[in-house]
N, C-alpha and C. Protein backbone atom coordinates (compact mmCIF):
# COMPACT_ATOMS: atom_id res chain seq x y z
N MET A 1 133.87 62.79 125.14
CA MET A 1 133.05 62.02 124.25
C MET A 1 133.71 61.92 122.87
N TYR A 2 134.23 63.05 122.35
CA TYR A 2 134.85 63.02 121.03
C TYR A 2 136.12 62.17 121.05
N SER A 3 136.86 62.24 122.13
CA SER A 3 138.07 61.42 122.20
C SER A 3 137.70 59.93 122.28
N TRP A 4 136.60 59.59 122.93
CA TRP A 4 136.15 58.20 122.98
C TRP A 4 135.79 57.71 121.57
N ILE A 5 135.07 58.55 120.80
CA ILE A 5 134.72 58.18 119.43
C ILE A 5 135.99 58.07 118.59
N TRP A 6 136.92 59.02 118.75
CA TRP A 6 138.16 59.01 117.97
C TRP A 6 138.98 57.74 118.24
N ARG A 7 139.03 57.32 119.49
CA ARG A 7 139.78 56.11 119.82
C ARG A 7 139.12 54.85 119.29
N ARG A 8 137.79 54.84 119.13
CA ARG A 8 137.06 53.66 118.68
C ARG A 8 137.07 53.50 117.16
N LEU A 9 137.42 54.55 116.42
CA LEU A 9 137.43 54.44 114.96
C LEU A 9 138.62 53.60 114.50
N PRO A 10 138.39 52.69 113.54
CA PRO A 10 139.46 51.76 113.13
C PRO A 10 140.36 52.32 112.02
N PHE A 11 141.39 51.56 111.66
CA PHE A 11 142.26 51.75 110.50
C PHE A 11 143.20 52.95 110.59
N GLY A 12 143.65 53.30 111.77
CA GLY A 12 144.67 54.34 111.91
C GLY A 12 144.15 55.73 111.56
N LEU A 13 145.07 56.62 111.26
CA LEU A 13 144.71 58.02 110.99
C LEU A 13 143.83 58.17 109.75
N PRO A 14 144.17 57.52 108.61
CA PRO A 14 143.28 57.69 107.45
C PRO A 14 141.87 57.16 107.72
N GLY A 15 141.75 56.05 108.38
CA GLY A 15 140.43 55.50 108.71
C GLY A 15 139.67 56.38 109.68
N ARG A 16 140.40 56.97 110.61
CA ARG A 16 139.74 57.86 111.58
C ARG A 16 139.24 59.13 110.89
N LEU A 17 140.03 59.67 109.97
CA LEU A 17 139.58 60.88 109.26
C LEU A 17 138.36 60.58 108.39
N ILE A 18 138.42 59.48 107.63
CA ILE A 18 137.28 59.11 106.78
C ILE A 18 136.07 58.76 107.64
N GLY A 19 136.28 58.03 108.73
CA GLY A 19 135.18 57.69 109.64
C GLY A 19 134.56 58.92 110.27
N SER A 20 135.40 59.90 110.64
CA SER A 20 134.88 61.15 111.22
C SER A 20 134.02 61.89 110.20
N LEU A 21 134.51 61.96 108.97
CA LEU A 21 133.72 62.64 107.93
C LEU A 21 132.40 61.91 107.68
N LEU A 22 132.44 60.59 107.68
CA LEU A 22 131.20 59.84 107.50
C LEU A 22 130.23 60.04 108.66
N LEU A 23 130.74 60.07 109.88
CA LEU A 23 129.87 60.31 111.03
C LEU A 23 129.25 61.71 111.00
N VAL A 24 130.05 62.71 110.65
CA VAL A 24 129.53 64.08 110.56
C VAL A 24 128.49 64.18 109.45
N THR A 25 128.75 63.55 108.30
CA THR A 25 127.79 63.57 107.20
C THR A 25 126.50 62.86 107.58
N ALA A 26 126.61 61.71 108.24
CA ALA A 26 125.41 60.97 108.64
C ALA A 26 124.61 61.76 109.67
N LEU A 27 125.28 62.38 110.62
CA LEU A 27 124.58 63.18 111.63
C LEU A 27 123.90 64.39 110.99
N SER A 28 124.59 65.04 110.06
CA SER A 28 124.00 66.19 109.37
C SER A 28 122.77 65.78 108.57
N ALA A 29 122.86 64.66 107.86
CA ALA A 29 121.72 64.17 107.08
C ALA A 29 120.55 63.80 108.00
N LEU A 30 120.85 63.19 109.12
CA LEU A 30 119.78 62.85 110.08
C LEU A 30 119.08 64.10 110.58
N LEU A 31 119.85 65.11 110.93
CA LEU A 31 119.25 66.36 111.40
C LEU A 31 118.45 67.04 110.28
N TRP A 32 119.04 67.13 109.08
CA TRP A 32 118.45 67.87 107.97
C TRP A 32 117.15 67.22 107.48
N PHE A 33 117.14 65.90 107.35
CA PHE A 33 116.00 65.23 106.73
C PHE A 33 115.00 64.64 107.72
N VAL A 34 115.37 64.49 108.99
CA VAL A 34 114.45 63.86 109.95
C VAL A 34 114.08 64.81 111.09
N VAL A 35 115.07 65.31 111.80
CA VAL A 35 114.80 66.08 113.02
C VAL A 35 114.23 67.46 112.70
N PHE A 36 114.85 68.20 111.77
CA PHE A 36 114.37 69.55 111.47
C PHE A 36 112.96 69.55 110.86
N PRO A 37 112.65 68.67 109.89
CA PRO A 37 111.25 68.64 109.41
C PRO A 37 110.24 68.25 110.49
N TRP A 38 110.65 67.39 111.41
CA TRP A 38 109.74 67.02 112.51
C TRP A 38 109.51 68.21 113.43
N ALA A 39 110.55 69.00 113.70
CA ALA A 39 110.44 70.10 114.67
C ALA A 39 109.87 71.38 114.07
N GLU A 40 109.85 71.51 112.75
CA GLU A 40 109.41 72.76 112.13
C GLU A 40 107.99 73.17 112.51
N PRO A 41 107.00 72.28 112.53
CA PRO A 41 105.65 72.72 112.92
C PRO A 41 105.56 73.14 114.38
N LEU A 42 106.50 72.72 115.19
CA LEU A 42 106.47 73.07 116.61
C LEU A 42 107.08 74.42 116.91
N LEU A 43 107.79 75.01 115.95
CA LEU A 43 108.47 76.28 116.15
C LEU A 43 107.56 77.44 115.75
N PRO A 44 107.68 78.61 116.41
CA PRO A 44 106.75 79.71 116.18
C PRO A 44 107.13 80.65 115.05
N PHE A 45 107.99 80.24 114.10
CA PHE A 45 108.47 81.18 113.08
C PHE A 45 107.39 81.56 112.08
N ASP A 46 106.36 80.76 111.91
CA ASP A 46 105.31 81.06 110.95
C ASP A 46 104.07 81.65 111.60
N ASP A 47 104.12 81.96 112.88
CA ASP A 47 102.97 82.54 113.57
C ASP A 47 102.98 84.06 113.40
N VAL A 48 102.60 84.52 112.21
CA VAL A 48 102.59 85.94 111.90
C VAL A 48 101.14 86.42 111.93
N GLN A 49 100.91 87.50 112.67
CA GLN A 49 99.57 88.06 112.74
C GLN A 49 99.63 89.49 112.22
N VAL A 50 98.88 89.76 111.18
CA VAL A 50 98.83 91.08 110.59
C VAL A 50 97.51 91.72 110.98
N THR A 51 97.58 92.91 111.57
CA THR A 51 96.37 93.61 111.99
C THR A 51 96.11 94.76 111.06
N GLN A 52 94.87 95.20 111.00
CA GLN A 52 94.49 96.30 110.12
C GLN A 52 94.96 97.64 110.66
N GLU A 53 95.05 97.79 111.99
CA GLU A 53 95.40 99.08 112.58
C GLU A 53 96.88 99.37 112.55
N GLY A 54 97.69 98.42 112.30
CA GLY A 54 99.13 98.65 112.33
C GLY A 54 99.78 97.87 113.44
N GLY A 55 99.08 97.61 114.50
CA GLY A 55 99.56 96.73 115.54
C GLY A 55 100.58 97.31 116.49
N VAL A 56 100.80 98.62 116.50
CA VAL A 56 101.77 99.21 117.41
C VAL A 56 101.03 99.73 118.64
N PRO A 57 101.34 99.19 119.83
CA PRO A 57 100.65 99.67 121.03
C PRO A 57 100.95 101.14 121.29
N GLY A 58 99.94 101.86 121.71
CA GLY A 58 100.12 103.28 122.01
C GLY A 58 99.71 104.18 120.86
N GLU A 59 99.50 103.64 119.68
CA GLU A 59 99.03 104.45 118.56
C GLU A 59 97.52 104.63 118.68
N PRO A 60 97.02 105.75 118.21
CA PRO A 60 95.57 105.95 118.27
C PRO A 60 94.84 104.91 117.44
N GLY A 61 93.76 104.41 118.00
CA GLY A 61 92.95 103.44 117.29
C GLY A 61 93.35 101.99 117.54
N VAL A 62 94.40 101.77 118.29
CA VAL A 62 94.86 100.41 118.56
C VAL A 62 94.55 100.09 120.01
N GLY A 63 93.68 99.16 120.23
CA GLY A 63 93.36 98.73 121.58
C GLY A 63 92.61 99.76 122.40
N GLY A 64 92.04 100.77 121.76
CA GLY A 64 91.26 101.76 122.49
C GLY A 64 92.10 102.80 123.20
N ASP A 65 93.40 102.83 122.98
CA ASP A 65 94.27 103.80 123.65
C ASP A 65 94.49 104.98 122.72
N ASP A 66 93.71 106.05 122.90
CA ASP A 66 93.85 107.24 122.07
C ASP A 66 94.65 108.33 122.77
N SER A 67 95.41 107.98 123.79
CA SER A 67 96.14 108.98 124.56
C SER A 67 97.46 109.37 123.92
N ALA A 68 97.92 108.64 122.89
CA ALA A 68 99.20 108.97 122.26
C ALA A 68 99.05 110.23 121.43
N VAL A 69 100.09 111.03 121.40
CA VAL A 69 100.09 112.27 120.64
C VAL A 69 100.59 111.98 119.24
N VAL A 70 99.82 112.42 118.25
CA VAL A 70 100.20 112.23 116.86
C VAL A 70 100.90 113.50 116.39
N PRO A 71 102.14 113.39 115.90
CA PRO A 71 102.84 114.60 115.46
C PRO A 71 102.22 115.18 114.19
N ASP A 72 102.33 116.51 114.05
CA ASP A 72 101.83 117.19 112.88
C ASP A 72 102.84 116.99 111.75
N VAL A 73 102.42 116.27 110.72
CA VAL A 73 103.33 115.97 109.62
C VAL A 73 102.85 116.72 108.39
N THR A 74 103.71 117.58 107.87
CA THR A 74 103.37 118.27 106.63
C THR A 74 103.92 117.47 105.47
N PRO A 75 103.14 117.30 104.42
CA PRO A 75 103.59 116.48 103.30
C PRO A 75 104.76 117.14 102.56
N ASP A 76 105.60 116.32 102.01
CA ASP A 76 106.74 116.79 101.23
C ASP A 76 106.23 117.30 99.89
N PRO A 77 106.56 118.53 99.48
CA PRO A 77 106.03 119.05 98.22
C PRO A 77 106.51 118.25 97.01
N ARG A 78 107.64 117.57 97.12
CA ARG A 78 108.14 116.78 95.99
C ARG A 78 107.28 115.53 95.78
N GLU A 79 106.58 115.09 96.79
CA GLU A 79 105.75 113.89 96.69
C GLU A 79 104.29 114.21 96.41
N SER A 80 103.96 115.49 96.22
CA SER A 80 102.55 115.86 96.07
C SER A 80 101.95 115.35 94.77
N ASP A 81 102.75 115.15 93.72
CA ASP A 81 102.20 114.70 92.45
C ASP A 81 101.99 113.18 92.43
N LEU A 82 102.49 112.47 93.42
CA LEU A 82 102.31 111.02 93.49
C LEU A 82 101.01 110.68 94.19
N ASP A 83 100.37 109.65 93.70
CA ASP A 83 99.19 109.14 94.37
C ASP A 83 99.63 108.47 95.68
N GLU A 84 98.71 108.25 96.56
CA GLU A 84 99.04 107.65 97.86
C GLU A 84 99.69 106.28 97.71
N HIS A 85 99.30 105.52 96.69
CA HIS A 85 99.79 104.16 96.53
C HIS A 85 100.80 104.01 95.39
N ASP A 86 101.22 105.12 94.77
CA ASP A 86 102.19 105.04 93.68
C ASP A 86 103.59 104.87 94.24
N ILE A 87 104.38 104.07 93.56
CA ILE A 87 105.77 103.87 93.93
C ILE A 87 106.61 104.62 92.91
N PRO A 88 107.57 105.45 93.33
CA PRO A 88 108.31 106.29 92.38
C PRO A 88 109.40 105.55 91.60
N TYR A 89 109.37 104.23 91.58
CA TYR A 89 110.35 103.47 90.82
C TYR A 89 109.66 102.25 90.23
N SER A 90 110.32 101.61 89.30
CA SER A 90 109.74 100.47 88.61
C SER A 90 109.88 99.21 89.45
N THR A 91 108.81 98.47 89.55
CA THR A 91 108.86 97.18 90.24
C THR A 91 108.96 96.04 89.24
N GLU A 92 109.01 96.37 87.95
CA GLU A 92 109.07 95.36 86.91
C GLU A 92 110.50 94.92 86.62
N SER A 93 111.45 95.82 86.76
CA SER A 93 112.83 95.46 86.44
C SER A 93 113.77 96.02 87.48
N ASN A 94 114.97 95.53 87.47
CA ASN A 94 115.99 95.98 88.41
C ASN A 94 116.98 96.91 87.73
N ASN A 95 116.66 97.36 86.52
CA ASN A 95 117.55 98.22 85.76
C ASN A 95 117.11 99.67 85.90
N PRO A 96 117.94 100.54 86.46
CA PRO A 96 117.56 101.94 86.57
C PRO A 96 117.60 102.62 85.20
N HIS A 97 116.82 103.69 85.06
CA HIS A 97 116.83 104.45 83.83
C HIS A 97 118.13 105.22 83.73
N PRO A 98 118.72 105.28 82.54
CA PRO A 98 120.00 106.00 82.39
C PRO A 98 119.77 107.51 82.35
N GLU A 99 119.69 108.11 83.52
CA GLU A 99 119.46 109.55 83.61
C GLU A 99 120.80 110.26 83.70
N GLY A 100 121.05 111.19 82.78
CA GLY A 100 122.26 112.01 82.82
C GLY A 100 123.54 111.23 82.69
N THR A 101 123.57 110.26 81.80
CA THR A 101 124.78 109.45 81.66
C THR A 101 125.75 110.04 80.67
N ARG A 102 125.40 111.11 79.97
CA ARG A 102 126.30 111.70 78.98
C ARG A 102 127.22 112.70 79.59
């Protein structure tokens, strides 16, 4: 198929190279602006379901299956001063504090 297109392009080698680039550009634009936007609603990439229980099968409380064994987890003593929802770093900036730089 590509050799058929290559043979049909006019004006020798320079015309064939420019024609090939124009065909590739036109095909890319057609896909980018027409085909992909048309197909996007048909694809399942945005079908996200978030559940309250965590959604992992086999965990207690999910789907009525309480047969899974929950390991005994002892809290880390270094994390005891943090609240359950506290994050130990700043979410406001990407600059770390200069600790011990001297």
